[in-house]
Amino acid sequence: MSVSAVEANLSEDERAGLELVRISGGIHQSDFWKELDVSSRKGSRIVESLVEKELVEREETVYDGHNTYFITPTARDLDFTLLMAGDMLSPFIGEEEVDPNSDAFSQWIMNLAYQE
């Protein structure tokens, strides 16, 4: 089943939860249910459903001295196309400073121009 088909069948609460995770980029489950203004039990059920549908990922963590989960969007929600020029990844990724006169940067810019 495609992602859009899965998302089309979400409940209103699941849709709100998914949107919260996507907008925040990641949220602790203990804050998730508070932000949605639902009980912790209902928040847990929403997260479990979204994990089961592979729309979010959940990782155990400690937050404010308590065991909880950190909820993040699945990788398929991430759009890396703005970092690409053809098959080249932006030279800005992983570099503290990029020399705008470097060959790598010039080649990346030229690849951007050829995409148009």
N, C-alpha and C. Protein backbone atom coordinates (compact mmCIF):
# COMPACT_ATOMS: atom_id res chain seq x y z
N MET A 1 0.85 -1.18 0.00
CA MET A 1 0.00 0.00 0.00
C MET A 1 0.90 1.24 0.00
N SER A 2 0.59 2.23 -0.81
CA SER A 2 1.41 3.43 -0.89
C SER A 2 1.24 4.29 0.35
N VAL A 3 2.22 5.19 0.56
CA VAL A 3 2.18 6.07 1.72
C VAL A 3 0.91 6.91 1.71
N SER A 4 0.56 7.46 0.56
CA SER A 4 -0.63 8.30 0.50
C SER A 4 -1.89 7.51 0.83
N ALA A 5 -1.96 6.25 0.42
CA ALA A 5 -3.11 5.42 0.75
C ALA A 5 -3.15 5.15 2.24
N VAL A 6 -2.00 4.91 2.85
CA VAL A 6 -1.94 4.68 4.29
C VAL A 6 -2.38 5.95 5.02
N GLU A 7 -1.86 7.09 4.59
CA GLU A 7 -2.20 8.35 5.24
C GLU A 7 -3.66 8.71 5.05
N ALA A 8 -4.24 8.34 3.94
CA ALA A 8 -5.65 8.65 3.68
C ALA A 8 -6.56 7.93 4.67
N ASN A 9 -6.09 6.82 5.21
CA ASN A 9 -6.90 6.04 6.14
C ASN A 9 -6.61 6.33 7.61
N LEU A 10 -5.84 7.38 7.89
CA LEU A 10 -5.54 7.72 9.27
C LEU A 10 -6.74 8.38 9.94
N SER A 11 -6.86 8.16 11.24
CA SER A 11 -7.88 8.86 12.01
C SER A 11 -7.44 10.32 12.17
N GLU A 12 -8.34 11.15 12.62
CA GLU A 12 -8.01 12.56 12.83
C GLU A 12 -6.87 12.71 13.84
N ASP A 13 -6.90 11.92 14.92
CA ASP A 13 -5.84 11.97 15.93
C ASP A 13 -4.50 11.50 15.36
N GLU A 14 -4.52 10.43 14.56
CA GLU A 14 -3.28 9.94 13.94
C GLU A 14 -2.71 10.98 12.99
N ARG A 15 -3.57 11.61 12.23
CA ARG A 15 -3.13 12.64 11.28
C ARG A 15 -2.49 13.81 12.03
N ALA A 16 -3.12 14.24 13.14
CA ALA A 16 -2.57 15.34 13.96
C ALA A 16 -1.23 14.92 14.56
N GLY A 17 -1.14 13.68 15.02
CA GLY A 17 0.11 13.19 15.60
C GLY A 17 1.22 13.13 14.58
N LEU A 18 0.91 12.63 13.39
CA LEU A 18 1.91 12.55 12.32
C LEU A 18 2.38 13.95 11.94
N GLU A 19 1.47 14.87 11.82
CA GLU A 19 1.82 16.26 11.49
C GLU A 19 2.73 16.86 12.56
N LEU A 20 2.43 16.61 13.83
CA LEU A 20 3.25 17.11 14.93
C LEU A 20 4.68 16.56 14.83
N VAL A 21 4.80 15.27 14.57
CA VAL A 21 6.14 14.66 14.46
C VAL A 21 6.89 15.24 13.27
N ARG A 22 6.20 15.41 12.15
CA ARG A 22 6.85 15.94 10.96
C ARG A 22 7.28 17.40 11.16
N ILE A 23 6.42 18.20 11.73
CA ILE A 23 6.74 19.62 11.93
C ILE A 23 7.88 19.79 12.93
N SER A 24 7.85 19.00 14.01
CA SER A 24 8.88 19.12 15.04
C SER A 24 10.20 18.48 14.60
N GLY A 25 10.12 17.55 13.67
CA GLY A 25 11.31 16.82 13.25
C GLY A 25 11.66 15.69 14.21
N GLY A 26 10.98 15.65 15.32
CA GLY A 26 11.19 14.62 16.34
C GLY A 26 10.71 15.17 17.67
N ILE A 27 10.07 14.33 18.46
CA ILE A 27 9.50 14.78 19.74
C ILE A 27 9.50 13.62 20.72
N HIS A 28 9.71 13.93 21.99
CA HIS A 28 9.62 12.90 23.02
C HIS A 28 8.16 12.53 23.21
N GLN A 29 7.91 11.23 23.42
CA GLN A 29 6.54 10.77 23.55
C GLN A 29 5.84 11.45 24.72
N SER A 30 6.61 11.78 25.78
CA SER A 30 6.01 12.45 26.93
C SER A 30 5.52 13.86 26.59
N ASP A 31 6.10 14.48 25.58
CA ASP A 31 5.63 15.79 25.11
C ASP A 31 4.58 15.63 24.01
N PHE A 32 4.67 14.53 23.28
CA PHE A 32 3.77 14.27 22.15
C PHE A 32 2.30 14.34 22.59
N TRP A 33 1.95 13.55 23.62
CA TRP A 33 0.55 13.51 24.03
C TRP A 33 0.11 14.81 24.66
N LYS A 34 1.04 15.53 25.32
CA LYS A 34 0.69 16.83 25.90
C LYS A 34 0.39 17.84 24.79
N GLU A 35 1.22 17.84 23.74
CA GLU A 35 1.02 18.75 22.61
C GLU A 35 -0.30 18.47 21.89
N LEU A 36 -0.66 17.20 21.82
CA LEU A 36 -1.92 16.82 21.16
C LEU A 36 -3.12 16.99 22.08
N ASP A 37 -2.86 17.26 23.36
CA ASP A 37 -3.92 17.41 24.36
C ASP A 37 -4.78 16.15 24.46
N VAL A 38 -4.08 15.01 24.58
CA VAL A 38 -4.75 13.72 24.79
C VAL A 38 -4.09 13.06 26.00
N SER A 39 -4.70 12.01 26.51
CA SER A 39 -4.12 11.28 27.64
C SER A 39 -2.84 10.56 27.19
N SER A 40 -2.00 10.23 28.16
CA SER A 40 -0.77 9.51 27.81
C SER A 40 -1.11 8.17 27.17
N ARG A 41 -2.16 7.53 27.64
CA ARG A 41 -2.57 6.24 27.08
C ARG A 41 -2.99 6.39 25.62
N LYS A 42 -3.80 7.40 25.33
CA LYS A 42 -4.24 7.63 23.96
C LYS A 42 -3.04 8.03 23.09
N GLY A 43 -2.14 8.85 23.64
CA GLY A 43 -0.94 9.25 22.90
C GLY A 43 -0.09 8.04 22.54
N SER A 44 0.04 7.09 23.48
CA SER A 44 0.80 5.87 23.23
C SER A 44 0.16 5.05 22.12
N ARG A 45 -1.16 4.98 22.13
CA ARG A 45 -1.87 4.22 21.09
C ARG A 45 -1.68 4.86 19.71
N ILE A 46 -1.70 6.19 19.68
CA ILE A 46 -1.50 6.90 18.41
C ILE A 46 -0.10 6.60 17.88
N VAL A 47 0.90 6.71 18.76
CA VAL A 47 2.28 6.45 18.34
C VAL A 47 2.43 5.01 17.87
N GLU A 48 1.89 4.06 18.63
CA GLU A 48 1.98 2.65 18.24
C GLU A 48 1.38 2.41 16.86
N SER A 49 0.26 3.05 16.59
CA SER A 49 -0.38 2.90 15.29
C SER A 49 0.48 3.49 14.18
N LEU A 50 1.07 4.66 14.42
CA LEU A 50 1.92 5.30 13.41
C LEU A 50 3.20 4.50 13.17
N VAL A 51 3.73 3.88 14.23
CA VAL A 51 4.92 3.03 14.09
C VAL A 51 4.56 1.79 13.27
N GLU A 52 3.42 1.19 13.60
CA GLU A 52 2.96 0.00 12.89
C GLU A 52 2.77 0.27 11.40
N LYS A 53 2.32 1.47 11.07
CA LYS A 53 2.09 1.85 9.68
C LYS A 53 3.36 2.40 9.02
N GLU A 54 4.48 2.36 9.78
CA GLU A 54 5.80 2.78 9.30
C GLU A 54 5.82 4.25 8.86
N LEU A 55 5.06 5.09 9.58
CA LEU A 55 5.05 6.52 9.30
C LEU A 55 5.97 7.28 10.23
N VAL A 56 6.27 6.69 11.41
CA VAL A 56 7.21 7.27 12.36
C VAL A 56 8.08 6.15 12.92
N GLU A 57 9.20 6.55 13.51
CA GLU A 57 10.08 5.60 14.19
C GLU A 57 10.14 5.99 15.65
N ARG A 58 10.33 5.01 16.52
CA ARG A 58 10.34 5.25 17.97
C ARG A 58 11.60 4.62 18.55
N GLU A 59 12.34 5.41 19.33
CA GLU A 59 13.57 4.93 19.94
C GLU A 59 13.54 5.21 21.44
N GLU A 60 13.90 4.22 22.25
CA GLU A 60 13.93 4.40 23.70
C GLU A 60 14.96 5.44 24.07
N THR A 61 14.62 6.29 25.06
CA THR A 61 15.52 7.31 25.53
C THR A 61 15.16 7.69 26.96
N VAL A 62 16.01 8.50 27.59
CA VAL A 62 15.71 9.05 28.92
C VAL A 62 15.57 10.55 28.73
N TYR A 63 14.48 11.10 29.26
CA TYR A 63 14.18 12.53 29.11
C TYR A 63 13.66 13.03 30.45
N ASP A 64 14.27 14.09 30.97
CA ASP A 64 13.91 14.63 32.29
C ASP A 64 13.95 13.54 33.37
N GLY A 65 14.92 12.63 33.24
CA GLY A 65 15.10 11.58 34.23
C GLY A 65 14.11 10.42 34.14
N HIS A 66 13.30 10.40 33.09
CA HIS A 66 12.30 9.35 32.93
C HIS A 66 12.54 8.60 31.62
N ASN A 67 12.23 7.30 31.63
CA ASN A 67 12.30 6.52 30.40
C ASN A 67 11.13 6.91 29.52
N THR A 68 11.41 7.17 28.27
CA THR A 68 10.36 7.52 27.32
C THR A 68 10.84 7.10 25.94
N TYR A 69 10.18 7.56 24.94
CA TYR A 69 10.57 7.29 23.56
C TYR A 69 10.74 8.62 22.83
N PHE A 70 11.63 8.61 21.83
CA PHE A 70 11.77 9.76 20.95
C PHE A 70 11.18 9.34 19.61
N ILE A 71 10.22 10.12 19.15
CA ILE A 71 9.47 9.80 17.94
C ILE A 71 9.99 10.68 16.80
N THR A 72 10.35 10.06 15.68
CA THR A 72 10.85 10.81 14.53
C THR A 72 10.12 10.37 13.26
N PRO A 73 10.07 11.27 12.26
CA PRO A 73 9.48 10.85 10.99
C PRO A 73 10.35 9.77 10.35
N THR A 74 9.76 8.90 9.57
CA THR A 74 10.56 7.90 8.87
C THR A 74 11.40 8.58 7.80
N ALA A 75 12.46 7.93 7.41
CA ALA A 75 13.39 8.51 6.44
C ALA A 75 12.72 8.83 5.12
N ARG A 76 11.67 8.10 4.76
CA ARG A 76 11.04 8.36 3.47
C ARG A 76 10.36 9.72 3.44
N ASP A 77 10.17 10.35 4.61
CA ASP A 77 9.59 11.69 4.65
C ASP A 77 10.62 12.77 4.37
N LEU A 78 11.87 12.41 4.39
CA LEU A 78 12.92 13.41 4.21
C LEU A 78 13.18 13.63 2.72
N ASP A 79 13.30 14.88 2.34
CA ASP A 79 13.51 15.24 0.94
C ASP A 79 14.91 15.80 0.77
N PHE A 80 15.78 15.04 0.13
CA PHE A 80 17.16 15.46 -0.05
C PHE A 80 17.39 16.09 -1.43
N THR A 81 16.36 16.25 -2.22
CA THR A 81 16.55 16.73 -3.58
C THR A 81 17.16 18.12 -3.64
N LEU A 82 16.90 18.95 -2.65
CA LEU A 82 17.47 20.29 -2.66
C LEU A 82 18.97 20.30 -2.38
N LEU A 83 19.49 19.19 -1.92
CA LEU A 83 20.92 19.08 -1.65
C LEU A 83 21.68 18.47 -2.82
N MET A 84 20.95 18.07 -3.85
CA MET A 84 21.55 17.36 -4.96
C MET A 84 21.65 18.22 -6.21
N ALA A 85 22.70 17.99 -6.94
CA ALA A 85 22.87 18.55 -8.29
C ALA A 85 23.23 17.36 -9.16
N GLY A 86 22.27 16.84 -9.91
CA GLY A 86 22.49 15.59 -10.62
C GLY A 86 22.69 14.50 -9.59
N ASP A 87 23.82 13.81 -9.66
CA ASP A 87 24.11 12.77 -8.66
C ASP A 87 25.13 13.24 -7.63
N MET A 88 25.39 14.55 -7.60
CA MET A 88 26.36 15.11 -6.65
C MET A 88 25.65 15.70 -5.44
N LEU A 89 26.12 15.35 -4.25
CA LEU A 89 25.61 15.92 -3.01
C LEU A 89 26.29 17.26 -2.77
N SER A 90 25.57 18.21 -2.22
CA SER A 90 26.11 19.55 -1.95
C SER A 90 27.42 19.46 -1.17
N PRO A 91 28.41 20.25 -1.57
CA PRO A 91 29.68 20.27 -0.83
C PRO A 91 29.52 20.92 0.55
N PHE A 92 28.38 21.54 0.82
CA PHE A 92 28.15 22.15 2.13
C PHE A 92 27.86 21.10 3.20
N ILE A 93 27.51 19.89 2.81
CA ILE A 93 27.18 18.86 3.77
C ILE A 93 28.45 18.35 4.43
N GLY A 94 28.50 18.48 5.75
CA GLY A 94 29.62 17.96 6.52
C GLY A 94 30.84 18.86 6.57
N GLU A 95 30.77 20.02 5.98
CA GLU A 95 31.92 20.93 6.00
C GLU A 95 31.61 22.12 6.90
N GLU A 96 32.61 22.53 7.67
CA GLU A 96 32.46 23.72 8.49
C GLU A 96 32.42 24.96 7.59
N GLU A 97 33.39 25.04 6.68
CA GLU A 97 33.46 26.15 5.75
C GLU A 97 33.69 25.60 4.35
N VAL A 98 32.98 26.16 3.40
CA VAL A 98 33.17 25.75 2.02
C VAL A 98 33.76 26.94 1.27
N ASP A 99 34.82 26.67 0.55
CA ASP A 99 35.45 27.71 -0.25
C ASP A 99 34.64 27.87 -1.54
N PRO A 100 34.01 29.03 -1.74
CA PRO A 100 33.20 29.22 -2.94
C PRO A 100 34.03 29.19 -4.22
N ASN A 101 35.33 29.25 -4.09
CA ASN A 101 36.21 29.18 -5.26
C ASN A 101 36.77 27.78 -5.48
N SER A 102 36.33 26.81 -4.68
CA SER A 102 36.86 25.45 -4.81
C SER A 102 36.30 24.76 -6.04
N ASP A 103 37.03 23.77 -6.53
CA ASP A 103 36.58 22.99 -7.68
C ASP A 103 35.29 22.23 -7.36
N ALA A 104 35.20 21.68 -6.14
CA ALA A 104 34.02 20.90 -5.76
C ALA A 104 32.76 21.77 -5.79
N PHE A 105 32.86 22.97 -5.28
CA PHE A 105 31.70 23.87 -5.27
C PHE A 105 31.35 24.30 -6.69
N SER A 106 32.36 24.63 -7.48
CA SER A 106 32.13 25.04 -8.87
C SER A 106 31.46 23.92 -9.66
N GLN A 107 31.93 22.69 -9.50
CA GLN A 107 31.34 21.55 -10.21
C GLN A 107 29.89 21.34 -9.80
N TRP A 108 29.61 21.48 -8.51
CA TRP A 108 28.25 21.31 -8.01
C TRP A 108 27.33 22.37 -8.61
N ILE A 109 27.77 23.61 -8.64
CA ILE A 109 26.98 24.70 -9.23
C ILE A 109 26.75 24.44 -10.71
N MET A 110 27.77 23.98 -11.42
CA MET A 110 27.61 23.68 -12.85
C MET A 110 26.59 22.56 -13.06
N ASN A 111 26.61 21.55 -12.19
CA ASN A 111 25.63 20.48 -12.29
C ASN A 111 24.22 20.99 -12.02
N LEU A 112 24.08 21.95 -11.14
CA LEU A 112 22.77 22.56 -10.90
C LEU A 112 22.26 23.23 -12.18
N ALA A 113 23.14 23.95 -12.84
CA ALA A 113 22.77 24.67 -14.06
C ALA A 113 22.33 23.69 -15.16
N TYR A 114 22.99 22.54 -15.24
CA TYR A 114 22.66 21.54 -16.28
C TYR A 114 21.35 20.84 -16.01
N GLN A 115 20.89 20.85 -14.75
CA GLN A 115 19.61 20.22 -14.40
C GLN A 115 18.43 20.99 -14.95
N GLU A 116 18.59 22.27 -15.06
CA GLU A 116 17.47 23.15 -15.44
C GLU A 116 16.91 22.83 -16.78
